[in-house]
Amino acid sequence: MNSISFKKNLLSVQEELLRFAYKLTADREEANDLLQETSLKALDNEDKYIPDTNFKGWMYTIMRNIFINNYRKIVRDQTFVDHTDNLYHLNLPQDSGFDSTEGAYDIKEIHRVVNLLPNEYRIPFAMHVSGFKYREIAEKLSLPLGTVKSRIFFTRQRLQGQLRDFV
């Protein structure tokens, strides 16, 4: 494949790659950055592309690998390793959110609003917040999965509206 047809192929898949990048990142700016990085990587490695193979698949693989590598780098950069002898930093008390009376008041207000909900909404929501999966809640309460999901969704919406001042 000559350089001109390679660039034509690259231009022809840009729109699809942008959609894929947006699915990966869920952010328009990050998707554009990922597309640009992928295109540059493809141009730098044009000689490694084997003609008469799936060009679009090759491009998707490059994009996916760049996304995964960037994600791993972000996670690695955010990981804190305590190298002190007695793990001093890890044993420091963590911020609980209850250091002020305002924080305690907010929690009390949230509990008050949640407890005012009808049982059909409060119970699935409480189970979900406690860590149950939608399917587990549906099985334990003998409800359809869609009903559980919609009740939790509507409860969140209602709480967001009622607690707007506290968020």
C-alpha atoms as a PDB file:
ATOM      1  CA  MET A   1       0.000   0.000   0.000  1.00  0.00           C
ATOM      2  CA  ASN A   2       1.451   3.333  -0.955  1.00  0.00           C
ATOM      3  CA  SER A   3       1.434   6.362   1.297  1.00  0.00           C
ATOM      4  CA  ILE A   4      -1.402   8.121  -0.549  1.00  0.00           C
ATOM      5  CA  SER A   5      -3.839   5.204  -0.280  1.00  0.00           C
ATOM      6  CA  PHE A   6      -2.828   4.732   3.382  1.00  0.00           C
ATOM      7  CA  LYS A   7      -3.740   8.357   4.116  1.00  0.00           C
ATOM      8  CA  LYS A   8      -7.019   8.003   2.199  1.00  0.00           C
ATOM      9  CA  ASN A   9      -7.905   4.963   4.295  1.00  0.00           C
ATOM     10  CA  LEU A  10      -6.942   6.873   7.429  1.00  0.00           C
ATOM     11  CA  LEU A  11      -9.188   9.795   6.494  1.00  0.00           C
ATOM     12  CA  SER A  12     -12.078   7.496   5.611  1.00  0.00           C
ATOM     13  CA  VAL A  13     -12.226   5.952   9.110  1.00  0.00           C
ATOM     14  CA  GLN A  14     -11.867   9.176  11.120  1.00  0.00           C
ATOM     15  CA  GLU A  15     -15.584   9.609  11.779  1.00  0.00           C
ATOM     16  CA  GLU A  16     -16.037   6.018  12.989  1.00  0.00           C
ATOM     17  CA  LEU A  17     -12.906   6.255  15.116  1.00  0.00           C
ATOM     18  CA  LEU A  18     -14.200   9.448  16.721  1.00  0.00           C
ATOM     19  CA  ARG A  19     -17.437   7.683  17.688  1.00  0.00           C
ATOM     20  CA  PHE A  20     -15.426   4.789  19.132  1.00  0.00           C
ATOM     21  CA  ALA A  21     -13.187   7.207  21.029  1.00  0.00           C
ATOM     22  CA  TYR A  22     -16.251   8.923  22.470  1.00  0.00           C
ATOM     23  CA  LYS A  23     -17.612   5.563  23.638  1.00  0.00           C
ATOM     24  CA  LEU A  24     -14.316   4.863  25.380  1.00  0.00           C
ATOM     25  CA  THR A  25     -13.857   8.259  27.010  1.00  0.00           C
ATOM     26  CA  ALA A  26     -17.412   9.669  27.332  1.00  0.00           C
ATOM     27  CA  ASP A  27     -15.901  13.127  26.864  1.00  0.00           C
ATOM     28  CA  ARG A  28     -15.768  15.069  23.603  1.00  0.00           C
ATOM     29  CA  GLU A  29     -12.353  16.689  24.210  1.00  0.00           C
ATOM     30  CA  GLU A  30     -10.732  13.458  25.382  1.00  0.00           C
ATOM     31  CA  ALA A  31     -12.227  11.661  22.374  1.00  0.00           C
ATOM     32  CA  ASN A  32     -10.685  14.223  20.013  1.00  0.00           C
ATOM     33  CA  ASP A  33      -7.326  13.870  21.773  1.00  0.00           C
ATOM     34  CA  LEU A  34      -7.520  10.075  21.534  1.00  0.00           C
ATOM     35  CA  LEU A  35      -8.380  10.274  17.823  1.00  0.00           C
ATOM     36  CA  GLN A  36      -5.455  12.592  17.183  1.00  0.00           C
ATOM     37  CA  GLU A  37      -3.052  10.385  19.128  1.00  0.00           C
ATOM     38  CA  THR A  38      -4.304   7.309  17.269  1.00  0.00           C
ATOM     39  CA  SER A  39      -3.902   8.976  13.873  1.00  0.00           C
ATOM     40  CA  LEU A  40      -0.355  10.062  14.714  1.00  0.00           C
ATOM     41  CA  LYS A  41       0.554   6.591  15.918  1.00  0.00           C
ATOM     42  CA  ALA A  42      -0.845   5.082  12.708  1.00  0.00           C
ATOM     43  CA  LEU A  43       1.117   7.515  10.558  1.00  0.00           C
ATOM     44  CA  ASP A  44       4.297   6.790  12.527  1.00  0.00           C
ATOM     45  CA  ASN A  45       3.779   3.054  12.056  1.00  0.00           C
ATOM     46  CA  GLU A  46       2.545   3.100   8.463  1.00  0.00           C
ATOM     47  CA  ASP A  47       5.349   0.736   7.485  1.00  0.00           C
ATOM     48  CA  LYS A  48       4.051  -1.894   9.948  1.00  0.00           C
ATOM     49  CA  TYR A  49       0.615  -2.091   8.335  1.00  0.00           C
ATOM     50  CA  ILE A  50       0.276  -5.209   6.194  1.00  0.00           C
ATOM     51  CA  PRO A  51      -1.520  -4.394   2.923  1.00  0.00           C
ATOM     52  CA  ASP A  52      -4.766  -6.213   2.098  1.00  0.00           C
ATOM     53  CA  THR A  53      -5.613  -6.731   5.787  1.00  0.00           C
ATOM     54  CA  ASN A  54      -8.390  -5.117   7.815  1.00  0.00           C
ATOM     55  CA  PHE A  55      -7.305  -1.467   8.020  1.00  0.00           C
ATOM     56  CA  LYS A  56     -10.262  -0.411  10.163  1.00  0.00           C
ATOM     57  CA  GLY A  57      -9.585  -3.232  12.635  1.00  0.00           C
ATOM     58  CA  TRP A  58      -5.923  -2.214  12.796  1.00  0.00           C
ATOM     59  CA  MET A  59      -6.934   1.357  13.618  1.00  0.00           C
ATOM     60  CA  TYR A  60      -9.452   0.273  16.267  1.00  0.00           C
ATOM     61  CA  THR A  61      -6.759  -1.878  17.882  1.00  0.00           C
ATOM     62  CA  ILE A  62      -4.326   1.039  17.978  1.00  0.00           C
ATOM     63  CA  MET A  63      -6.980   3.278  19.549  1.00  0.00           C
ATOM     64  CA  ARG A  64      -8.017   0.699  22.122  1.00  0.00           C
ATOM     65  CA  ASN A  65      -4.398   0.042  23.110  1.00  0.00           C
ATOM     66  CA  ILE A  66      -3.656   3.766  23.485  1.00  0.00           C
ATOM     67  CA  PHE A  67      -6.775   4.191  25.631  1.00  0.00           C
ATOM     68  CA  ILE A  68      -5.834   1.240  27.857  1.00  0.00           C
ATOM     69  CA  ASN A  69      -2.247   2.438  28.236  1.00  0.00           C
ATOM     70  CA  ASN A  70      -3.399   5.965  29.124  1.00  0.00           C
ATOM     71  CA  TYR A  71      -5.878   4.586  31.646  1.00  0.00           C
ATOM     72  CA  ARG A  72      -3.230   2.406  33.273  1.00  0.00           C
ATOM     73  CA  LYS A  73      -0.865   5.381  33.456  1.00  0.00           C
ATOM     74  CA  ILE A  74      -3.527   7.485  35.193  1.00  0.00           C
ATOM     75  CA  VAL A  75      -4.240   4.712  37.709  1.00  0.00           C
ATOM     76  CA  ARG A  76      -0.528   4.185  38.317  1.00  0.00           C
ATOM     77  CA  ASP A  77       0.017   7.931  38.852  1.00  0.00           C
ATOM     78  CA  GLN A  78      -2.839   8.083  41.371  1.00  0.00           C
ATOM     79  CA  THR A  79      -1.619   5.097  43.385  1.00  0.00           C
ATOM     80  CA  PHE A  80       0.078   6.068  46.627  1.00  0.00           C
ATOM     81  CA  VAL A  81       2.698   3.705  47.969  1.00  0.00           C
ATOM     82  CA  ASP A  82       3.738   4.251  51.584  1.00  0.00           C
ATOM     83  CA  HIS A  83       7.474   3.495  51.849  1.00  0.00           C
ATOM     84  CA  THR A  84       7.833   4.494  55.502  1.00  0.00           C
ATOM     85  CA  ASP A  85       8.983   1.790  57.927  1.00  0.00           C
ATOM     86  CA  ASN A  86       5.849   1.785  60.052  1.00  0.00           C
ATOM     87  CA  LEU A  87       3.380   2.684  57.276  1.00  0.00           C
ATOM     88  CA  TYR A  88       2.948   6.087  58.889  1.00  0.00           C
ATOM     89  CA  HIS A  89       0.985   7.637  56.028  1.00  0.00           C
ATOM     90  CA  LEU A  90      -1.468   4.749  55.730  1.00  0.00           C
ATOM     91  CA  ASN A  91      -2.164   4.797  59.470  1.00  0.00           C
ATOM     92  CA  LEU A  92      -3.137   8.458  59.586  1.00  0.00           C
ATOM     93  CA  PRO A  93      -6.814   9.025  60.411  1.00  0.00           C
ATOM     94  CA  GLN A  94      -8.901   9.506  57.295  1.00  0.00           C
ATOM     95  CA  ASP A  95     -11.362  12.348  56.795  1.00  0.00           C
ATOM     96  CA  SER A  96     -14.751  10.947  57.752  1.00  0.00           C
ATOM     97  CA  GLY A  97     -16.925  13.869  56.703  1.00  0.00           C
ATOM     98  CA  PHE A  98     -18.205  14.239  60.270  1.00  0.00           C
ATOM     99  CA  ASP A  99     -15.556  16.726  61.390  1.00  0.00           C
ATOM    100  CA  SER A 100     -18.041  19.581  61.391  1.00  0.00           C
ATOM    101  CA  THR A 101     -21.564  20.018  62.604  1.00  0.00           C
ATOM    102  CA  GLU A 102     -22.546  20.956  59.052  1.00  0.00           C
ATOM    103  CA  GLY A 103     -21.453  17.516  57.789  1.00  0.00           C
ATOM    104  CA  ALA A 104     -23.438  15.770  60.524  1.00  0.00           C
ATOM    105  CA  TYR A 105     -26.481  17.914  59.736  1.00  0.00           C
ATOM    106  CA  ASP A 106     -26.255  17.013  56.048  1.00  0.00           C
ATOM    107  CA  ILE A 107     -26.211  13.290  56.869  1.00  0.00           C
ATOM    108  CA  LYS A 108     -29.182  13.675  59.208  1.00  0.00           C
ATOM    109  CA  GLU A 109     -31.101  15.560  56.522  1.00  0.00           C
ATOM    110  CA  ILE A 110     -30.322  12.876  53.922  1.00  0.00           C
ATOM    111  CA  HIS A 111     -31.529  10.143  56.297  1.00  0.00           C
ATOM    112  CA  ARG A 112     -34.667  12.133  57.065  1.00  0.00           C
ATOM    113  CA  VAL A 113     -35.520  12.543  53.375  1.00  0.00           C
ATOM    114  CA  VAL A 114     -34.775   8.886  52.600  1.00  0.00           C
ATOM    115  CA  ASN A 115     -36.932   7.699  55.505  1.00  0.00           C
ATOM    116  CA  LEU A 116     -39.877   9.736  54.189  1.00  0.00           C
ATOM    117  CA  LEU A 117     -39.898   7.692  50.980  1.00  0.00           C
ATOM    118  CA  PRO A 118     -42.554   4.989  50.557  1.00  0.00           C
ATOM    119  CA  ASN A 119     -41.241   1.458  51.315  1.00  0.00           C
ATOM    120  CA  GLU A 120     -41.577   0.394  47.665  1.00  0.00           C
ATOM    121  CA  TYR A 121     -38.884   2.968  46.788  1.00  0.00           C
ATOM    122  CA  ARG A 122     -36.896   3.181  50.014  1.00  0.00           C
ATOM    123  CA  ILE A 123     -36.160  -0.548  50.389  1.00  0.00           C
ATOM    124  CA  PRO A 124     -34.718  -1.156  46.873  1.00  0.00           C
ATOM    125  CA  PHE A 125     -32.742   2.106  47.143  1.00  0.00           C
ATOM    126  CA  ALA A 126     -31.337   1.179  50.560  1.00  0.00           C
ATOM    127  CA  MET A 127     -30.359  -2.258  49.274  1.00  0.00           C
ATOM    128  CA  HIS A 128     -28.650  -0.717  46.244  1.00  0.00           C
ATOM    129  CA  VAL A 129     -26.727   1.759  48.401  1.00  0.00           C
ATOM    130  CA  SER A 130     -25.714  -1.153  50.666  1.00  0.00           C
ATOM    131  CA  GLY A 131     -24.062  -2.847  47.692  1.00  0.00           C
ATOM    132  CA  PHE A 132     -26.681  -5.217  46.312  1.00  0.00           C
ATOM    133  CA  LYS A 133     -26.789  -5.589  42.539  1.00  0.00           C
ATOM    134  CA  TYR A 134     -30.037  -4.858  40.672  1.00  0.00           C
ATOM    135  CA  ARG A 135     -30.581  -8.558  39.944  1.00  0.00           C
ATOM    136  CA  GLU A 136     -30.100  -9.519  43.596  1.00  0.00           C
ATOM    137  CA  ILE A 137     -32.594  -6.881  44.713  1.00  0.00           C
ATOM    138  CA  ALA A 138     -35.108  -8.091  42.133  1.00  0.00           C
ATOM    139  CA  GLU A 139     -34.749 -11.682  43.333  1.00  0.00           C
ATOM    140  CA  LYS A 140     -34.984 -10.845  47.055  1.00  0.00           C
ATOM    141  CA  LEU A 141     -38.030  -8.596  46.598  1.00  0.00           C
ATOM    142  CA  SER A 142     -39.657 -10.789  43.907  1.00  0.00           C
ATOM    143  CA  LEU A 143     -39.857  -7.864  41.486  1.00  0.00           C
ATOM    144  CA  PRO A 144     -39.027  -7.586  37.784  1.00  0.00           C
ATOM    145  CA  LEU A 145     -35.516  -6.259  37.118  1.00  0.00           C
ATOM    146  CA  GLY A 146     -36.850  -3.245  35.203  1.00  0.00           C
ATOM    147  CA  THR A 147     -39.085  -2.274  38.113  1.00  0.00           C
ATOM    148  CA  VAL A 148     -36.132  -2.323  40.516  1.00  0.00           C
ATOM    149  CA  LYS A 149     -34.007  -0.213  38.164  1.00  0.00           C
ATOM    150  CA  SER A 150     -36.748   2.349  37.609  1.00  0.00           C
ATOM    151  CA  ARG A 151     -37.547   2.641  41.332  1.00  0.00           C
ATOM    152  CA  ILE A 152     -33.894   3.251  42.166  1.00  0.00           C
ATOM    153  CA  PHE A 153     -33.620   5.766  39.330  1.00  0.00           C
ATOM    154  CA  PHE A 154     -36.736   7.663  40.416  1.00  0.00           C
ATOM    155  CA  THR A 155     -35.562   7.626  44.035  1.00  0.00           C
ATOM    156  CA  ARG A 156     -32.240   9.165  43.003  1.00  0.00           C
ATOM    157  CA  GLN A 157     -34.026  11.828  40.991  1.00  0.00           C
ATOM    158  CA  ARG A 158     -36.330  12.625  43.887  1.00  0.00           C
ATOM    159  CA  LEU A 159     -33.471  12.810  46.374  1.00  0.00           C
ATOM    160  CA  GLN A 160     -31.444  15.061  44.109  1.00  0.00           C
ATOM    161  CA  GLY A 161     -34.389  17.427  43.848  1.00  0.00           C
ATOM    162  CA  GLN A 162     -35.084  17.490  47.582  1.00  0.00           C
ATOM    163  CA  LEU A 163     -31.439  17.710  48.628  1.00  0.00           C
ATOM    164  CA  ARG A 164     -30.338  20.260  46.042  1.00  0.00           C
ATOM    165  CA  ASP A 165     -29.208  22.667  48.782  1.00  0.00           C
ATOM    166  CA  PHE A 166     -26.978  20.048  50.391  1.00  0.00           C
ATOM    167  CA  VAL A 167     -25.114  18.788  47.347  1.00  0.00           C
END
